[in-house]
């Protein structure tokens, strides 16, 4: 491998079966030999050192919107909105906005969401228990399809205010909308994605209109009230960013829960520690996020002339920050390839950082902190159905999660 050319961005996605099997074989090599690596084909610098990644993430002067990138930054510019759901002001997603629009939209949404999350613990626990109760009596099940996938969708539906009678539709729309995260989707998948996104948009607008007439105890009521009180948010901006919360949060929280279950089942010593000391759950969730991050990368665009680890980066040039690579940097994490739920190293960067720190991170953490111990409490003898089987990772670019996780209960 030492004589091979350094990997490019395509090599660093699950489309490459070798990367899918072991991403750190590639990321460790980049970090040690070329931690700021220029990929001319993608038009981006790939950063893999923790210090460089955290420094760029923390720099609030960096740009996020792909329109700021140079023409050569082909991968970043592909993120630009294609107008599929322009009626919801898709170009106003906080995932890509820079200030002042980013702060204008994110600030009221984050405050309302965090208030909801702080009051949702009992509600989330109830939903988790309902999913687990439905599995009782089964000798085997798929911990992904039958548990990890269901919890985040139903939690966000409840927080938003989705009517129970529409839950099955909402779940189907959510699964379709997640296809927007796959840049290599088929025409059929694109058609399904468009239909799902438009259906969610129409439903959110309906809910907003209904909540203006009769508020309920949900996030959409909170947001339309903030609008009424003067928050400078349009209905399109609100609908689009609620969709972003739904799409990004469902996928990554599903993977956080699934990756945690798999890691604990394949590291029985760590599972035994957690069972012996349930107070370790918060630390365990952070170690799962570090060790098997649901998200591979994030991006920034240089807003001025920079030097990163001795490498000059010019204004408008794009940077791809490897969250996965940074989270296994041996300069920061002792024995980085060891899964240790008692770890006390520096904080991981699985949720990004700076102004664009994942808005849903408090909710994802809470769901995982409740779901993981609940699963093992309901099924104390839970184990992998086939411990010798190779894990089946999805091939969705820039994300890391299992397609399936067959388990037996006794």
Protein backbone atom coordinates (compact mmCIF):
# COMPACT_ATOMS: atom_id res chain seq x y z
CA UNK A 1 0.00 0.00 0.00
CA UNK A 2 2.97 2.32 0.59
CA UNK A 3 3.60 2.50 -3.19
CA UNK A 4 -0.02 3.21 -4.06
CA UNK A 5 -1.24 6.75 -4.75
CA UNK A 6 -2.94 8.50 -1.89
CA UNK A 7 -6.71 7.94 -1.80
CA UNK A 8 -9.13 10.41 -3.34
CA UNK A 9 -12.62 11.27 -2.11
CA UNK A 10 -14.27 8.40 -3.98
CA UNK A 11 -11.79 6.02 -2.35
CA UNK A 12 -12.89 7.44 1.02
CA UNK A 13 -16.55 6.47 0.65
CA UNK A 14 -18.30 3.14 1.26
CA UNK A 15 -18.58 2.77 -2.51
CA UNK A 16 -15.01 1.51 -2.16
CA UNK A 17 -15.50 -1.94 -0.58
CA UNK A 18 -12.09 -1.83 1.10
CA UNK A 19 -12.94 1.49 2.77
CA UNK A 20 -16.34 0.12 3.74
CA UNK A 21 -14.68 -2.83 5.45
CA UNK A 22 -12.00 -0.78 7.21
CA UNK A 23 -12.00 2.99 6.70
CA UNK A 24 -9.10 3.51 9.10
CA UNK A 25 -6.72 1.61 6.86
CA UNK A 26 -7.03 4.61 4.51
CA UNK A 27 -7.48 7.40 7.05
CA UNK A 28 -4.50 6.37 9.18
CA UNK A 29 -2.30 6.42 6.09
CA UNK A 30 -3.48 9.88 5.07
CA UNK A 31 -3.08 11.28 8.58
CA UNK A 32 0.47 9.98 8.95
CA UNK A 33 1.75 10.78 5.45
CA UNK A 34 -0.30 13.72 4.13
CA UNK A 35 -2.73 15.13 6.71
CA UNK A 36 -3.73 17.99 4.37
CA UNK A 37 -4.17 16.15 1.07
CA UNK A 38 -5.30 17.84 -2.13
CA UNK A 39 -7.73 15.84 -4.26
CA UNK A 40 -7.75 17.62 -7.62
CA UNK A 41 -10.60 15.54 -9.02
CA UNK A 42 -12.97 16.57 -6.20
CA UNK A 43 -11.40 20.01 -5.88
CA UNK A 44 -10.90 19.80 -2.13
CA UNK A 45 -8.28 19.48 0.60
CA UNK A 46 -8.85 16.42 2.83
CA UNK A 47 -7.96 17.08 6.49
CA UNK A 48 -7.50 14.09 8.80
CA UNK A 49 -5.63 15.41 11.88
CA UNK A 50 -7.73 16.21 14.95
CA UNK A 51 -6.01 19.53 15.58
CA UNK A 52 -6.51 20.74 12.02
CA UNK A 53 -10.12 19.57 11.87
CA UNK A 54 -11.07 21.13 15.18
CA UNK A 55 -9.29 24.39 14.32
CA UNK A 56 -11.21 24.77 11.06
CA UNK A 57 -14.52 23.75 12.66
CA UNK A 58 -14.06 26.32 15.41
CA UNK A 59 -13.27 29.16 13.00
CA UNK A 60 -16.60 30.96 12.61
CA UNK A 61 -15.20 33.00 9.73
CA UNK A 62 -15.13 29.96 7.45
CA UNK A 63 -17.83 29.72 4.82
CA UNK A 64 -20.26 26.83 4.50
CA UNK A 65 -22.45 27.73 1.52
CA UNK A 66 -21.14 25.94 -1.60
CA UNK A 67 -21.73 29.00 -3.79
CA UNK A 68 -18.66 30.52 -2.13
CA UNK A 69 -16.41 27.75 -3.43
CA UNK A 70 -14.14 28.14 -6.44
CA UNK A 71 -15.32 26.51 -9.70
CA UNK A 72 -12.72 23.75 -9.25
CA UNK A 73 -14.41 22.65 -6.00
CA UNK A 74 -16.66 20.26 -7.85
CA UNK A 75 -17.66 18.13 -4.86
CA UNK A 76 -18.64 21.11 -2.72
CA UNK A 77 -20.54 22.80 -5.54
CA UNK A 78 -22.58 19.63 -6.11
CA UNK A 79 -24.19 20.38 -2.75
CA UNK A 80 -25.90 23.43 -4.24
CA UNK A 81 -29.66 23.25 -4.23
CA UNK A 82 -31.17 21.79 -7.39
CA UNK A 83 -34.57 23.41 -6.94
CA UNK A 84 -36.44 20.19 -6.20
CA UNK A 85 -38.40 21.83 -3.40
CA UNK A 86 -37.76 25.51 -4.04
CA UNK A 87 -41.17 26.37 -2.63
CA UNK A 88 -39.64 25.68 0.78
CA UNK A 89 -36.69 27.97 0.16
CA UNK A 90 -34.30 25.03 -0.01
CA UNK A 91 -31.38 27.43 -0.36
CA UNK A 92 -32.10 28.55 3.22
CA UNK A 93 -31.10 25.32 4.94
CA UNK A 94 -28.96 26.01 8.01
CA UNK A 95 -26.77 23.08 6.93
CA UNK A 96 -25.26 25.36 4.28
CA UNK A 97 -26.05 28.94 5.29
CA UNK A 98 -23.56 31.51 6.48
CA UNK A 99 -24.31 34.43 8.76
CA UNK A 100 -26.38 36.51 9.05
CA UNK A 101 -29.06 34.16 7.63
CA UNK A 102 -27.61 31.14 9.46
CA UNK A 103 -27.94 32.77 12.89
CA UNK A 104 -31.32 34.30 12.03
CA UNK A 105 -32.85 30.89 11.28
CA UNK A 106 -30.87 28.62 13.57
CA UNK A 107 -31.11 30.64 16.79
CA UNK A 108 -34.91 30.49 17.32
CA UNK A 109 -35.12 26.92 16.01
CA UNK A 110 -32.34 25.72 18.33
CA UNK A 111 -33.82 27.43 21.39
CA UNK A 112 -37.25 25.93 20.76
CA UNK A 113 -35.83 22.47 20.01
CA UNK A 114 -33.59 22.40 23.09
CA UNK A 115 -36.51 23.40 25.32
CA UNK A 116 -38.51 20.53 23.85
CA UNK A 117 -35.66 18.05 24.31
CA UNK A 118 -35.16 19.07 27.95
CA UNK A 119 -38.79 18.16 28.65
CA UNK A 120 -38.99 15.02 26.51
CA UNK A 121 -37.13 12.39 28.54
CA UNK A 122 -40.22 10.61 29.86
CA UNK A 123 -41.92 10.78 26.47
CA UNK A 124 -38.89 9.31 24.70
CA UNK A 125 -38.56 6.55 27.30
CA UNK A 126 -42.22 5.66 26.77
CA UNK A 127 -41.73 5.36 23.01
CA UNK A 128 -38.62 3.19 23.51
CA UNK A 129 -40.49 0.92 25.91
CA UNK A 130 -43.33 0.55 23.41
CA UNK A 131 -40.89 -0.63 20.72
CA UNK A 132 -39.26 -3.09 23.12
CA UNK A 133 -42.56 -4.40 24.44
CA UNK A 134 -43.56 -5.21 20.86
CA UNK A 135 -40.47 -7.42 20.58
CA UNK A 136 -41.15 -9.48 23.70
CA UNK A 137 -41.66 -13.15 23.03
CA UNK A 138 -39.49 -13.11 19.92
CA UNK A 139 -36.45 -15.34 19.94
CA UNK A 140 -34.71 -13.21 17.31
CA UNK A 141 -35.08 -9.86 15.58
CA UNK A 142 -33.15 -7.31 13.55
CA UNK A 143 -31.88 -4.67 15.96
CA UNK A 144 -31.75 -2.17 13.09
CA UNK A 145 -35.15 -2.56 11.38
CA UNK A 146 -37.06 -3.55 14.52
CA UNK A 147 -35.55 -1.05 16.97
CA UNK A 148 -32.80 1.42 15.97
CA UNK A 149 -34.68 2.58 12.87
CA UNK A 150 -38.05 3.00 14.59
CA UNK A 151 -37.08 4.99 17.67
CA UNK A 152 -35.71 8.19 16.05
CA UNK A 153 -38.54 8.53 13.53
CA UNK A 154 -41.25 8.19 16.17
CA UNK A 155 -39.43 10.46 18.61
CA UNK A 156 -39.07 13.32 16.12
CA UNK A 157 -42.66 12.79 14.96
CA UNK A 158 -43.88 13.17 18.53
CA UNK A 159 -41.73 16.25 19.16
CA UNK A 160 -42.85 17.93 15.92
CA UNK A 161 -46.52 17.16 16.55
CA UNK A 162 -47.31 14.58 13.84
CA UNK A 163 -50.78 13.14 14.31
CA UNK A 164 -50.76 9.47 15.30
CA UNK A 165 -53.10 8.66 12.42
CA UNK A 166 -50.44 9.92 9.96
CA UNK A 167 -47.47 8.14 11.53
CA UNK A 168 -47.20 5.37 8.93
CA UNK A 169 -47.22 7.95 6.11
CA UNK A 170 -44.70 10.10 7.98
CA UNK A 171 -42.35 7.14 8.40
CA UNK A 172 -42.55 6.33 4.68
CA UNK A 173 -41.95 9.98 3.70
CA UNK A 174 -38.98 10.12 6.08
CA UNK A 175 -37.36 7.07 4.52
CA UNK A 176 -37.88 8.53 1.05
CA UNK A 177 -36.51 11.93 2.02
CA UNK A 178 -33.32 10.35 3.41
CA UNK A 179 -32.45 9.46 -0.19
CA UNK A 180 -31.55 13.15 -0.62
CA UNK A 181 -28.33 12.34 1.26
CA UNK A 182 -27.18 9.90 -1.44
CA UNK A 183 -25.42 11.75 -4.31
CA UNK A 184 -25.38 8.50 -6.31
CA UNK A 185 -29.09 7.67 -6.12
CA UNK A 186 -30.86 6.10 -9.09
CA UNK A 187 -33.51 7.95 -11.13
CA UNK A 188 -36.16 5.86 -9.39
CA UNK A 189 -34.77 6.84 -6.00
CA UNK A 190 -34.72 10.49 -7.02
CA UNK A 191 -38.38 10.26 -8.02
CA UNK A 192 -39.24 8.72 -4.66
CA UNK A 193 -37.20 11.38 -2.85
CA UNK A 194 -38.97 14.23 -4.65
CA UNK A 195 -42.40 12.79 -3.87
CA UNK A 196 -41.46 12.28 -0.21
CA UNK A 197 -39.95 15.75 0.26
CA UNK A 198 -42.97 17.41 -1.34
CA UNK A 199 -45.35 15.35 0.80
CA UNK A 200 -43.51 16.34 3.99
CA UNK A 201 -43.49 19.97 2.88
CA UNK A 202 -47.23 19.97 2.29
CA UNK A 203 -47.87 18.26 5.62
CA UNK A 204 -45.67 20.66 7.59
CA UNK A 205 -47.43 23.63 6.01
CA UNK A 206 -50.77 22.08 6.93
CA UNK A 207 -49.62 21.63 10.53
CA UNK A 208 -48.36 25.21 10.70
CA UNK A 209 -51.73 26.51 9.51
CA UNK A 210 -53.57 24.32 12.03
CA UNK A 211 -51.32 25.38 14.93
CA UNK A 212 -51.96 29.05 14.18
CA UNK A 213 -55.62 28.36 14.84
CA UNK A 214 -55.15 25.98 17.78
CA UNK A 215 -51.71 25.55 19.36
CA UNK A 216 -50.68 22.18 20.78
CA UNK A 217 -47.81 20.94 22.92
CA UNK A 218 -45.29 20.45 20.11
CA UNK A 219 -42.36 22.05 18.30
CA UNK A 220 -44.36 23.30 15.33
CA UNK A 221 -46.64 25.21 17.71
CA UNK A 222 -43.55 26.67 19.35
CA UNK A 223 -42.18 27.83 16.01
CA UNK A 224 -45.34 29.46 14.67
CA UNK A 225 -45.69 31.25 18.01
CA UNK A 226 -42.14 32.55 17.64
CA UNK A 227 -43.08 33.77 14.17
CA UNK A 228 -46.11 35.54 15.63
CA UNK A 229 -43.86 37.13 18.26
CA UNK A 230 -41.62 38.56 15.56
CA UNK A 231 -39.00 35.89 14.77
CA UNK A 232 -37.90 36.69 11.19
CA UNK A 233 -38.67 33.24 9.74
CA UNK A 234 -40.73 32.51 6.64
CA UNK A 235 -42.93 29.42 6.40
CA UNK A 236 -40.64 28.07 3.68
CA UNK A 237 -37.53 28.51 5.79
CA UNK A 238 -39.24 26.86 8.74
CA UNK A 239 -40.56 23.92 6.74
CA UNK A 240 -37.23 23.35 5.01
CA UNK A 241 -35.24 23.34 8.24
CA UNK A 242 -37.70 21.10 10.05
CA UNK A 243 -37.22 18.70 7.15
CA UNK A 244 -33.46 18.95 7.63
CA UNK A 245 -33.88 18.12 11.29
CA UNK A 246 -36.03 15.15 10.36
CA UNK A 247 -33.80 13.76 7.60
CA UNK A 248 -30.39 14.22 9.20
CA UNK A 249 -31.51 13.32 12.71
CA UNK A 250 -33.29 10.12 11.78
CA UNK A 251 -30.42 8.60 9.84
CA UNK A 252 -27.60 9.54 12.18
CA UNK A 253 -29.45 8.67 15.39
CA UNK A 254 -30.46 5.32 13.93
CA UNK A 255 -26.80 4.68 13.18
CA UNK A 256 -25.68 5.90 16.59
CA UNK A 257 -28.01 3.42 18.33
CA UNK A 258 -27.23 0.58 15.92
CA UNK A 259 -23.47 1.13 16.06
CA UNK A 260 -23.65 1.20 19.86
CA UNK A 261 -25.52 -2.10 20.07
CA UNK A 262 -23.08 -3.74 17.67
CA UNK A 263 -20.00 -2.40 19.49
CA UNK A 264 -21.25 -3.50 22.89
CA UNK A 265 -22.17 -6.98 21.63
CA UNK A 266 -18.76 -7.36 20.00
CA UNK A 267 -16.96 -6.01 23.09
CA UNK A 268 -18.54 -8.03 25.90
CA UNK A 269 -16.10 -6.67 28.48
CA UNK A 270 -17.41 -3.15 27.78
CA UNK A 271 -21.02 -4.30 27.93
CA UNK A 272 -20.31 -5.98 31.27
CA UNK A 273 -18.84 -2.72 32.60
CA UNK A 274 -21.92 -0.79 31.49
CA UNK A 275 -24.28 -3.29 33.10
CA UNK A 276 -22.26 -3.20 36.32
CA UNK A 277 -22.21 0.61 36.35
CA UNK A 278 -25.17 2.13 34.46
CA UNK A 279 -23.83 5.62 35.22
CA UNK A 280 -21.30 4.99 32.42
CA UNK A 281 -24.01 5.32 29.75
CA UNK A 282 -23.28 8.96 28.90
CA UNK A 283 -19.58 8.22 28.55
CA UNK A 284 -20.37 5.08 26.55
CA UNK A 285 -22.44 7.08 24.06
CA UNK A 286 -19.58 9.55 23.61
CA UNK A 287 -17.16 6.69 22.97
CA UNK A 288 -19.49 5.18 20.37
CA UNK A 289 -19.63 8.59 18.67
CA UNK A 290 -15.84 8.79 18.67
CA UNK A 291 -15.10 5.20 17.74
CA UNK A 292 -17.77 4.63 15.08
CA UNK A 293 -19.00 8.07 14.06
CA UNK A 294 -22.29 8.01 12.13
CA UNK A 295 -21.03 10.85 9.89
CA UNK A 296 -17.75 10.64 7.98
CA UNK A 297 -17.09 14.21 6.91
CA UNK A 298 -18.19 17.82 6.87
CA UNK A 299 -17.00 20.68 4.68
CA UNK A 300 -15.83 24.27 4.93
CA UNK A 301 -14.68 26.86 2.40
CA UNK A 302 -11.72 29.16 3.07
CA UNK A 303 -12.93 32.73 3.53
CA UNK A 304 -9.37 34.08 3.47
CA UNK A 305 -5.81 32.95 2.80
CA UNK A 306 -4.90 30.16 5.23
CA UNK A 307 -2.11 27.85 6.18
CA UNK A 308 -3.19 24.51 7.66
CA UNK A 309 -0.42 22.32 9.02
CA UNK A 310 2.03 24.10 6.75
CA UNK A 311 -0.13 23.78 3.65
CA UNK A 312 -1.34 27.00 1.97
CA UNK A 313 -5.08 27.09 1.25
CA UNK A 314 -6.40 29.97 -0.81
CA UNK A 315 -9.61 31.94 -0.46
CA UNK A 316 -12.64 30.03 -1.93
CA UNK A 317 -10.82 26.67 -1.85
CA UNK A 318 -12.80 23.84 -0.27
CA UNK A 319 -11.82 21.65 2.66
CA UNK A 320 -13.29 18.26 3.51
CA UNK A 321 -12.88 17.56 7.20
CA UNK A 322 -12.65 13.88 8.10
CA UNK A 323 -14.51 13.59 11.40
CA UNK A 324 -13.83 9.86 11.40
CA UNK A 325 -10.11 10.37 10.85
CA UNK A 326 -9.86 13.06 13.52
CA UNK A 327 -11.64 10.86 16.05
CA UNK A 328 -8.93 8.20 15.78
CA UNK A 329 -5.92 10.55 15.84
CA UNK A 330 -3.25 8.88 18.04
CA UNK A 331 -1.84 12.29 18.97
CA UNK A 332 -5.09 12.96 20.85
CA UNK A 333 -6.59 9.60 21.76
CA UNK A 334 -4.52 6.96 23.53
CA UNK A 335 -4.86 3.65 21.69
CA UNK A 336 -7.38 5.23 19.31
CA UNK A 337 -8.48 1.93 17.79
CA UNK A 338 -9.52 0.53 21.18
CA UNK A 339 -13.18 0.85 22.19
CA UNK A 340 -13.22 1.99 25.81
CA UNK A 341 -16.38 3.36 27.44
CA UNK A 342 -14.34 4.76 30.36
CA UNK A 343 -12.16 6.90 28.07
CA UNK A 344 -11.33 10.41 29.33
CA UNK A 345 -9.54 11.80 26.28
CA UNK A 346 -10.33 15.05 24.46
CA UNK A 347 -13.87 15.48 23.14
CA UNK A 348 -14.68 13.89 19.78
CA UNK A 349 -15.81 15.85 16.71
CA UNK A 350 -18.57 13.46 15.59
CA UNK A 351 -21.13 16.29 15.66
CA UNK A 352 -18.89 18.78 13.87
CA UNK A 353 -18.28 22.01 15.71
CA UNK A 354 -18.41 25.76 15.77
CA UNK A 355 -21.45 27.61 14.47
CA UNK A 356 -22.55 24.52 12.54
CA UNK A 357 -22.40 22.08 15.46
CA UNK A 358 -25.16 19.53 14.77
CA UNK A 359 -28.40 21.16 15.93
CA UNK A 360 -29.90 17.78 16.78
CA UNK A 361 -27.00 16.54 18.92
CA UNK A 362 -28.78 16.93 22.31
CA UNK A 363 -31.73 14.90 21.05
CA UNK A 364 -29.51 12.21 19.48
CA UNK A 365 -27.53 11.87 22.70
CA UNK A 366 -30.68 11.59 24.83
CA UNK A 367 -32.24 8.97 22.57
CA UNK A 368 -29.07 6.86 22.66
CA UNK A 369 -28.62 7.27 26.42
CA UNK A 370 -32.15 5.91 26.94
CA UNK A 371 -32.40 3.37 24.12
CA UNK A 372 -29.18 1.44 24.71
CA UNK A 373 -29.59 0.50 28.39
CA UNK A 374 -33.32 -0.10 27.84
CA UNK A 375 -32.61 -2.65 25.12
CA UNK A 376 -30.18 -4.59 27.30
CA UNK A 377 -32.48 -4.35 30.32
CA UNK A 378 -35.38 -5.81 28.34
CA UNK A 379 -33.16 -8.50 26.80
CA UNK A 380 -30.32 -9.23 29.25
CA UNK A 381 -29.20 -12.25 27.23
CA UNK A 382 -29.09 -10.41 23.92
CA UNK A 383 -26.34 -11.57 21.58
CA UNK A 384 -25.44 -11.57 17.90
CA UNK A 385 -27.27 -14.18 15.87
CA UNK A 386 -24.04 -15.00 14.05
CA UNK A 387 -20.96 -13.70 15.90
CA UNK A 388 -18.66 -14.83 13.09
CA UNK A 389 -20.54 -12.97 10.37
CA UNK A 390 -18.90 -9.93 8.79
CA UNK A 391 -20.82 -6.73 9.63
CA UNK A 392 -22.94 -5.48 6.75
CA UNK A 393 -22.31 -1.74 6.48
CA UNK A 394 -24.49 0.41 4.26
CA UNK A 395 -22.87 1.98 1.19
CA UNK A 396 -24.39 5.46 1.62
CA UNK A 397 -21.51 7.89 0.98
CA UNK A 398 -20.24 9.86 3.97
CA UNK A 399 -22.29 7.95 6.55
CA UNK A 400 -21.54 4.85 8.63
CA UNK A 401 -24.28 2.52 9.73
CA UNK A 402 -25.30 -1.11 9.56
CA UNK A 403 -27.80 -2.42 7.00
CA UNK A 404 -28.85 -5.18 9.35
CA UNK A 405 -28.03 -6.41 12.85
CA UNK A 406 -29.59 -9.83 13.53
CA UNK A 407 -29.73 -10.68 17.25
CA UNK A 408 -31.13 -13.44 19.42
CA UNK A 409 -32.67 -12.81 22.81
CA UNK A 410 -31.58 -15.75 24.89
